[in-house]
Protein backbone atom coordinates (compact mmCIF):
# COMPACT_ATOMS: atom_id res chain seq x y z
CA ASP A 1 7.17 -10.96 11.01
CA SER A 2 3.87 -9.08 9.67
CA VAL A 3 2.26 -5.53 9.29
CA ARG A 4 -0.63 -4.86 8.31
CA VAL A 5 -0.72 -2.48 5.22
CA ALA A 6 -3.99 0.28 5.26
CA LEU A 7 -4.14 2.69 2.55
CA LYS A 8 -8.04 5.06 3.47
CA SER A 9 -9.32 8.36 0.96
CA THR A 10 -9.29 11.34 2.65
CA ALA A 11 -10.55 13.00 -0.25
CA GLY A 12 -11.51 13.25 -3.13
CA SER A 13 -14.08 12.71 -6.21
CA GLY A 14 -14.41 10.83 -9.24
CA THR A 15 -12.88 7.57 -10.18
CA MET A 16 -10.29 7.47 -7.63
CA THR A 17 -7.71 4.84 -7.71
CA VAL A 18 -4.47 4.24 -5.75
CA ALA A 19 -1.27 2.17 -6.73
CA ALA A 20 0.94 1.57 -3.49
CA THR A 21 4.71 0.19 -2.83
CA LEU A 22 5.58 -1.44 0.83
CA TRP A 23 9.72 -0.75 1.26
CA ALA A 24 11.63 -2.21 3.75
CA TYR A 25 14.70 -1.94 5.84
CA CYS A 26 17.41 -4.64 5.95
CA GLY A 27 21.25 -4.38 7.12
CA GLY A 28 21.46 -1.37 5.49
CA ILE A 29 19.67 -1.58 2.09
CA TRP A 30 15.93 -0.88 1.00
CA HIS A 31 14.40 -3.49 -1.08
CA VAL A 32 10.62 -4.31 -2.24
CA ALA A 33 8.96 -5.76 0.14
CA GLN A 34 5.37 -6.30 -1.29
CA PRO A 35 3.72 -4.47 -4.20
CA LEU A 36 0.26 -3.76 -3.12
CA ALA A 37 -3.27 -5.54 -4.30
CA ALA A 38 -0.33 -7.42 -7.07
CA ASN A 39 -1.51 -9.32 -9.97
CA PRO A 40 -0.59 -12.74 -9.42
CA SER A 41 0.57 -12.60 -13.94
CA SER A 42 2.70 -9.93 -12.31
CA PRO A 43 3.58 -10.14 -9.00
CA TYR A 44 6.04 -7.17 -8.65
CA THR A 45 4.24 -4.54 -9.98
CA ALA A 46 1.60 -3.06 -7.30
CA GLY A 47 -2.02 -3.24 -8.54
CA THR A 48 -4.36 -0.83 -8.95
CA ILE A 49 -6.52 -0.01 -5.69
CA PRO A 50 -10.06 0.87 -7.10
CA GLU A 51 -12.73 3.12 -4.96
CA ASN A 52 -15.06 0.61 -2.79
CA SER A 53 -17.66 3.17 -2.47
CA ALA A 54 -18.83 6.11 -3.53
CA ASP A 55 -15.92 8.40 -3.74
CA GLY A 56 -13.83 6.16 -0.83
CA ILE A 57 -11.11 3.86 -0.67
CA SER A 58 -10.77 1.28 1.90
CA TYR A 59 -7.85 -1.49 1.63
CA SER A 60 -5.84 -3.80 3.74
CA GLU A 61 -3.65 -5.93 2.56
CA TRP A 62 -0.73 -8.26 4.94
CA VAL A 63 2.64 -8.67 4.71
CA PHE A 64 4.74 -11.27 5.93
CA GLY A 65 8.56 -12.20 5.98
CA LEU A 66 9.40 -8.31 7.56
CA SER A 67 11.26 -10.37 10.84
CA GLY A 68 14.59 -7.76 10.91
CA ALA A 69 13.14 -5.45 8.46
CA SER A 70 14.11 -1.94 11.55
CA ARG A 71 12.55 0.61 8.91
CA LEU A 72 9.56 0.52 6.92
CA TYR A 73 8.14 3.07 3.92
CA LEU A 74 4.30 2.53 1.78
CA GLU A 75 5.61 4.32 -1.45
CA ILE A 76 2.89 5.67 -3.45
CA VAL A 77 3.26 4.52 -7.10
CA ALA A 78 0.34 6.45 -8.77
CA ILE A 79 -2.80 8.15 -7.69
CA ALA A 80 -5.77 8.53 -10.11
CA GLY A 81 -9.12 10.95 -9.53
CA SER A 82 -10.04 14.81 -8.52
CA SER A 83 -7.70 16.37 -5.96
CA THR A 84 -7.75 11.85 -5.05
CA ALA A 85 -5.58 11.57 -0.78
CA VAL A 86 -5.08 8.78 0.91
CA THR A 87 -3.38 7.78 4.41
CA GLY A 88 -1.39 4.46 5.11
CA TYR A 89 -1.72 2.74 8.20
CA ALA A 90 0.82 -0.26 9.89
CA ILE A 91 -0.94 -2.15 11.89
CA VAL A 92 0.74 -4.31 13.78
CA GLY A 93 0.42 -6.01 16.95
CA ARG A 94 1.79 -7.89 19.44
């Protein structure tokens, strides 16, 4: 029913940022499960996740309401910086 989604930069320099959206596949249809770091004033738009250390991005967020989802897809909506690369993780428990 829930998953913790994490993003971590693996390369890059300059002012790095990333925006991402988690999609879920339920009943043969893909739908937006949650835009990450969304601002309450625009909850359906992924927010910009900035660096939180020198040339580094580490971010995680809980996503709830995923019962019935058979697949997840993490879309990188926007990425900025010099040679910025990120890896996304779905951290699930029992």
